[in-house]
């Protein structure tokens, strides 16, 4: 099963790809080795390699249908993109649009695209290559982007930003959508509809955000990159190496996990493999996994 219903919102998981990405000690440089050992039974094989210490992640989109609209939350890595910093993502040829089609969605059907932040693996399918030019993949959609991240990676305002994991990303996946007049920049918070609200969740990047869902008796949070492994539920003080403001990232993670625990809310991060989403509970000053969502395992 790749689809669940939360109140008036239907949530479908659209996978771009999944698999090993980085050694655990590089991905989470301050997370103790013993913690990986203590929770190995839970982590292997979905989230940690069986015979190595490679962390496994998914690139995926949350497809939401509510109030007659079709909404995509994050758009993966994308095809044909030049990604010199990550060889595994360079000039991909994946069937992401086919996966959307199998879920009943054509590019022209999408009403709203939400980029929780503007890292390389969250904006790739914002655009596609047509006759040598980058054009918006979803021609009828409004793209919601956090203003802080748009300014952070805009070479017009930060000419020294070139290089790193986000090399070429603004130019091929952000600027073309903005030039087409399809971008709405927001800050602090933004109401999507009666069920969904964007909230600033800074730390991982300056503009990182989450979407909270409140519909009927159901609660959920689309948590972006607040966590990349379920181990960060139990070890909530530890960040990935990609968090730009470690203190803010830690505080935001613990705040959102606390809200989820107190409201019996489903947590849907961007990158978890396996069942992809989970409920949490408070446990001795940190958190524990209460139960996994009923999505089929990737």
Protein backbone atom coordinates (compact mmCIF):
# COMPACT_ATOMS: atom_id res chain seq x y z
CA UNK A 1 0.00 0.00 0.00
CA UNK A 2 1.38 3.39 -0.99
CA UNK A 3 -1.61 5.51 0.02
CA UNK A 4 -3.35 6.45 3.26
CA UNK A 5 -6.11 8.87 4.21
CA UNK A 6 -5.79 11.44 6.98
CA UNK A 7 -9.07 13.24 7.57
CA UNK A 8 -9.99 14.84 4.26
CA UNK A 9 -6.47 14.44 2.83
CA UNK A 10 -5.29 11.50 0.74
CA UNK A 11 -1.53 10.94 1.03
CA UNK A 12 0.32 8.93 -1.62
CA UNK A 13 4.03 8.11 -1.53
CA UNK A 14 5.78 8.63 -4.88
CA UNK A 15 9.25 7.09 -4.90
CA UNK A 16 12.02 8.43 -7.09
CA UNK A 17 14.72 6.03 -5.83
CA UNK A 18 16.14 4.55 -2.64
CA UNK A 19 19.28 2.84 -1.42
CA UNK A 20 22.62 3.43 0.37
CA UNK A 21 23.92 6.98 0.34
CA UNK A 22 26.72 7.62 2.89
CA UNK A 23 28.65 5.89 5.69
CA UNK A 24 26.97 6.51 9.03
CA UNK A 25 30.02 8.15 10.61
CA UNK A 26 30.20 10.69 7.77
CA UNK A 27 26.48 11.35 7.52
CA UNK A 28 26.14 11.81 11.32
CA UNK A 29 29.64 12.65 12.51
CA UNK A 30 28.73 13.26 16.16
CA UNK A 31 26.29 10.37 16.60
CA UNK A 32 27.98 7.72 18.79
CA UNK A 33 28.85 4.41 17.14
CA UNK A 34 27.29 2.63 20.11
CA UNK A 35 23.88 4.10 19.28
CA UNK A 36 23.96 2.45 15.85
CA UNK A 37 24.85 -0.85 17.54
CA UNK A 38 22.15 -0.51 20.21
CA UNK A 39 19.42 -0.01 17.62
CA UNK A 40 20.85 -2.20 14.85
CA UNK A 41 17.96 -4.67 14.91
CA UNK A 42 15.50 -1.87 14.14
CA UNK A 43 17.71 -0.19 11.52
CA UNK A 44 18.82 -3.17 9.41
CA UNK A 45 18.13 -3.71 6.55
CA UNK A 46 15.83 -0.80 5.67
CA UNK A 47 17.82 2.09 7.15
CA UNK A 48 21.32 0.66 7.52
CA UNK A 49 23.23 -1.81 5.39
CA UNK A 50 23.34 -5.41 6.57
CA UNK A 51 27.07 -5.88 5.99
CA UNK A 52 28.35 -2.33 6.07
CA UNK A 53 27.69 0.99 7.81
CA UNK A 54 25.98 2.69 4.88
CA UNK A 55 22.87 4.70 5.71
CA UNK A 56 19.94 4.02 3.37
CA UNK A 57 17.55 6.79 2.35
CA UNK A 58 14.73 7.35 -0.12
CA UNK A 59 14.12 10.20 -2.52
CA UNK A 60 10.37 10.58 -2.59
CA UNK A 61 7.47 12.98 -2.96
CA UNK A 62 4.38 13.14 -0.81
CA UNK A 63 1.40 13.53 -3.13
CA UNK A 64 -1.55 15.15 -1.37
CA UNK A 65 -5.09 15.40 -2.66
CA UNK A 66 -7.41 17.70 -0.73
CA UNK A 67 -10.08 20.30 -1.41
CA UNK A 68 -10.01 19.33 -5.08
CA UNK A 69 -6.32 20.18 -5.48
CA UNK A 70 -3.27 18.08 -6.27
CA UNK A 71 -0.20 18.99 -4.20
CA UNK A 72 3.38 17.68 -4.37
CA UNK A 73 5.65 17.98 -1.34
CA UNK A 74 9.30 18.02 -2.52
CA UNK A 75 10.41 16.85 -5.95
CA UNK A 76 13.54 14.72 -5.56
CA UNK A 77 16.75 14.92 -7.56
CA UNK A 78 15.45 15.10 -11.15
CA UNK A 79 16.65 13.88 -14.53
CA UNK A 80 19.41 15.22 -16.77
CA UNK A 81 20.85 17.48 -14.05
CA UNK A 82 24.59 18.13 -13.80
CA UNK A 83 25.51 17.22 -10.22
CA UNK A 84 29.33 17.22 -9.95
CA UNK A 85 29.25 16.97 -6.15
CA UNK A 86 27.21 13.74 -6.09
CA UNK A 87 28.15 11.33 -8.86
CA UNK A 88 25.18 9.04 -8.13
CA UNK A 89 22.78 11.90 -8.93
CA UNK A 90 24.52 13.15 -12.05
CA UNK A 91 22.43 13.08 -15.25
CA UNK A 92 19.87 10.63 -13.91
CA UNK A 93 17.30 8.92 -16.10
CA UNK A 94 14.51 7.80 -13.77
CA UNK A 95 10.80 7.11 -14.27
CA UNK A 96 9.51 9.62 -11.72
CA UNK A 97 6.86 11.01 -14.05
CA UNK A 98 5.79 7.45 -14.77
CA UNK A 99 5.33 6.88 -11.05
CA UNK A 100 3.17 9.99 -10.87
CA UNK A 101 1.16 8.80 -13.88
CA UNK A 102 0.55 5.44 -12.22
CA UNK A 103 -0.87 7.39 -9.26
CA UNK A 104 -3.22 9.15 -11.68
CA UNK A 105 -1.36 12.45 -11.94
CA UNK A 106 -0.16 14.14 -15.14
CA UNK A 107 2.23 17.13 -14.86
CA UNK A 108 -0.55 19.51 -15.93
CA UNK A 109 -2.80 18.21 -13.12
CA UNK A 110 -0.56 19.53 -10.33
CA UNK A 111 -1.90 22.65 -8.64
CA UNK A 112 0.77 23.25 -6.02
CA UNK A 113 4.40 22.23 -5.48
CA UNK A 114 5.87 22.70 -2.02
CA UNK A 115 9.65 22.68 -1.66
CA UNK A 116 10.22 22.29 2.07
CA UNK A 117 13.69 23.70 1.43
CA UNK A 118 15.90 24.22 -1.61
CA UNK A 119 18.52 21.50 -1.30
CA UNK A 120 19.44 19.54 -4.43
CA UNK A 121 17.32 16.49 -3.53
CA UNK A 122 14.11 18.45 -2.92
CA UNK A 123 13.78 20.53 -6.07
CA UNK A 124 15.03 18.38 -8.96
CA UNK A 125 11.72 17.69 -10.67
CA UNK A 126 10.72 21.34 -10.40
CA UNK A 127 11.99 21.47 -13.98
CA UNK A 128 12.72 19.16 -16.88
CA UNK A 129 14.88 19.50 -19.97
CA UNK A 130 12.94 20.29 -23.15
CA UNK A 131 14.79 21.14 -26.37
CA UNK A 132 17.90 22.07 -24.41
CA UNK A 133 16.13 24.40 -21.96
CA UNK A 134 14.94 23.93 -18.38
CA UNK A 135 11.18 24.44 -18.17
CA UNK A 136 8.74 23.99 -15.26
CA UNK A 137 7.69 20.35 -15.08
CA UNK A 138 4.28 21.32 -13.71
CA UNK A 139 3.05 24.12 -15.98
CA UNK A 140 -0.13 24.95 -14.06
CA UNK A 141 1.31 24.79 -10.55
CA UNK A 142 2.26 27.45 -8.06
CA UNK A 143 5.61 26.58 -6.47
CA UNK A 144 5.87 27.50 -2.80
CA UNK A 145 9.49 28.20 -1.82
CA UNK A 146 10.86 29.60 1.46
CA UNK A 147 12.19 33.10 0.87
CA UNK A 148 15.20 32.53 3.17
CA UNK A 149 16.46 29.63 1.04
CA UNK A 150 15.71 31.41 -2.23
CA UNK A 151 17.90 34.29 -1.10
CA UNK A 152 20.51 31.93 0.38
CA UNK A 153 21.25 30.25 -2.97
CA UNK A 154 20.48 33.07 -5.37
CA UNK A 155 23.79 33.98 -7.03
CA UNK A 156 22.41 37.45 -7.74
CA UNK A 157 22.42 38.18 -4.00
CA UNK A 158 25.18 35.75 -2.96
CA UNK A 159 27.76 35.60 -5.78
CA UNK A 160 30.07 33.51 -3.58
CA UNK A 161 27.55 30.68 -3.24
CA UNK A 162 28.87 28.58 -6.15
CA UNK A 163 30.04 25.03 -5.55
CA UNK A 164 29.16 22.44 -2.92
CA UNK A 165 26.33 19.95 -2.97
CA UNK A 166 23.93 22.55 -4.39
CA UNK A 167 26.07 23.41 -7.41
CA UNK A 168 23.90 24.27 -10.46
CA UNK A 169 20.69 23.73 -8.48
CA UNK A 170 19.44 27.31 -8.38
CA UNK A 171 20.18 27.77 -12.06
CA UNK A 172 18.46 24.61 -13.35
CA UNK A 173 15.74 23.89 -10.78
CA UNK A 174 14.75 27.19 -9.15
CA UNK A 175 15.45 30.14 -11.43
CA UNK A 176 13.52 28.77 -14.45
CA UNK A 177 10.35 28.38 -12.37
CA UNK A 178 10.78 31.86 -10.92
CA UNK A 179 11.33 33.31 -14.40
CA UNK A 180 8.08 31.64 -15.51
CA UNK A 181 6.21 33.55 -12.79
CA UNK A 182 5.17 30.39 -10.96
CA UNK A 183 7.01 30.92 -7.63
CA UNK A 184 5.40 32.22 -4.46
CA UNK A 185 8.02 33.08 -1.83
CA UNK A 186 6.83 32.88 1.75
CA UNK A 187 8.28 33.38 5.24
CA UNK A 188 7.30 32.57 8.84
CA UNK A 189 4.11 30.66 7.94
CA UNK A 190 1.71 30.14 5.06
CA UNK A 191 -1.79 28.65 5.06
CA UNK A 192 -2.26 26.24 2.15
CA UNK A 193 -5.88 25.36 2.88
CA UNK A 194 -8.17 24.41 5.76
CA UNK A 195 -6.15 21.21 6.35
CA UNK A 196 -2.53 22.20 5.65
CA UNK A 197 -0.21 24.91 6.92
CA UNK A 198 3.46 25.63 6.21
CA UNK A 199 5.60 26.55 9.20
CA UNK A 200 9.20 27.74 9.29
CA UNK A 201 11.50 25.09 10.80
CA UNK A 202 15.01 26.57 10.40
CA UNK A 203 18.32 24.90 11.12
CA UNK A 204 18.90 22.35 8.41
CA UNK A 205 18.81 25.34 6.06
CA UNK A 206 17.77 28.92 6.83
CA UNK A 207 14.39 28.38 5.17
CA UNK A 208 13.67 24.78 6.11
CA UNK A 209 9.99 24.20 6.74
CA UNK A 210 7.40 21.61 7.69
CA UNK A 211 3.76 21.17 6.72
CA UNK A 212 1.34 20.46 9.54
CA UNK A 213 -1.90 18.65 8.78
CA UNK A 214 -5.00 18.98 10.93
CA UNK A 215 -8.06 17.37 9.37
CA UNK A 216 -10.89 15.89 11.38
CA UNK A 217 -9.30 13.99 14.25
CA UNK A 218 -6.07 13.30 12.35
CA UNK A 219 -2.78 15.13 12.78
CA UNK A 220 0.45 14.81 10.81
CA UNK A 221 3.62 16.69 10.01
CA UNK A 222 5.52 16.49 6.72
CA UNK A 223 8.90 16.94 8.29
CA UNK A 224 11.30 17.49 5.38
CA UNK A 225 14.88 16.95 6.53
CA UNK A 226 14.34 17.19 10.27
CA UNK A 227 15.63 13.63 10.31
CA UNK A 228 17.27 11.28 7.81
CA UNK A 229 17.23 8.11 9.90
CA UNK A 230 14.82 6.79 12.54
CA UNK A 231 17.78 6.71 14.91
CA UNK A 232 17.31 10.49 15.22
CA UNK A 233 14.02 9.78 17.01
CA UNK A 234 15.87 8.16 19.91
CA UNK A 235 18.99 10.32 19.45
CA UNK A 236 17.14 13.57 18.76
CA UNK A 237 20.06 15.83 19.72
CA UNK A 238 22.18 14.64 16.79
CA UNK A 239 22.19 16.29 13.36
CA UNK A 240 23.26 15.23 9.90
CA UNK A 241 26.40 16.72 8.39
CA UNK A 242 24.18 18.82 6.09
CA UNK A 243 22.55 20.87 8.86
CA UNK A 244 23.80 24.44 8.46
CA UNK A 245 22.90 25.64 11.97
CA UNK A 246 23.34 22.66 14.30
CA UNK A 247 21.85 24.31 17.39
CA UNK A 248 18.76 25.53 15.54
CA UNK A 249 18.36 22.19 13.76
CA UNK A 250 18.48 20.31 17.05
CA UNK A 251 15.96 22.64 18.68
CA UNK A 252 13.59 22.47 15.72
CA UNK A 253 13.73 18.67 15.58
CA UNK A 254 12.94 18.33 19.25
CA UNK A 255 10.14 20.89 19.04
CA UNK A 256 8.44 19.17 16.09
CA UNK A 257 8.87 15.68 17.55
CA UNK A 258 7.41 16.97 20.81
CA UNK A 259 4.39 18.37 18.97
CA UNK A 260 3.94 15.07 17.13
CA UNK A 261 4.14 13.05 20.34
CA UNK A 262 1.68 15.33 22.15
CA UNK A 263 -0.83 15.33 19.27
CA UNK A 264 -0.56 11.66 18.24
CA UNK A 265 0.58 12.96 14.86
CA UNK A 266 2.08 10.93 12.05
CA UNK A 267 5.61 12.09 11.14
CA UNK A 268 6.38 11.92 7.40
CA UNK A 269 10.03 12.85 6.76
CA UNK A 270 11.35 13.27 3.24
CA UNK A 271 13.85 10.42 3.20
CA UNK A 272 12.93 7.43 5.34
CA UNK A 273 13.00 4.04 3.64
CA UNK A 274 10.97 1.07 4.90
CA UNK A 275 7.48 2.19 5.89
CA UNK A 276 8.59 5.84 5.41
CA UNK A 277 6.49 7.41 8.20
CA UNK A 278 5.91 6.81 11.89
CA UNK A 279 4.28 7.92 15.13
CA UNK A 280 6.46 8.90 18.09
CA UNK A 281 6.11 9.10 21.84
CA UNK A 282 8.08 10.76 24.61
CA UNK A 283 10.59 8.52 26.35
CA UNK A 284 12.90 9.49 29.21
CA UNK A 285 13.74 12.97 27.95
CA UNK A 286 13.89 12.02 24.29
CA UNK A 287 11.55 10.09 21.97
CA UNK A 288 10.77 6.57 20.83
CA UNK A 289 9.00 5.03 17.86
CA UNK A 290 5.39 4.29 18.77
CA UNK A 291 4.42 2.59 15.51
CA UNK A 292 5.12 2.70 11.79
CA UNK A 293 2.66 3.95 9.18
CA UNK A 294 0.80 1.33 7.11
CA UNK A 295 2.71 2.12 3.91
CA UNK A 296 4.25 -0.94 2.28
CA UNK A 297 8.02 -1.21 2.79
CA UNK A 298 10.21 0.23 0.06
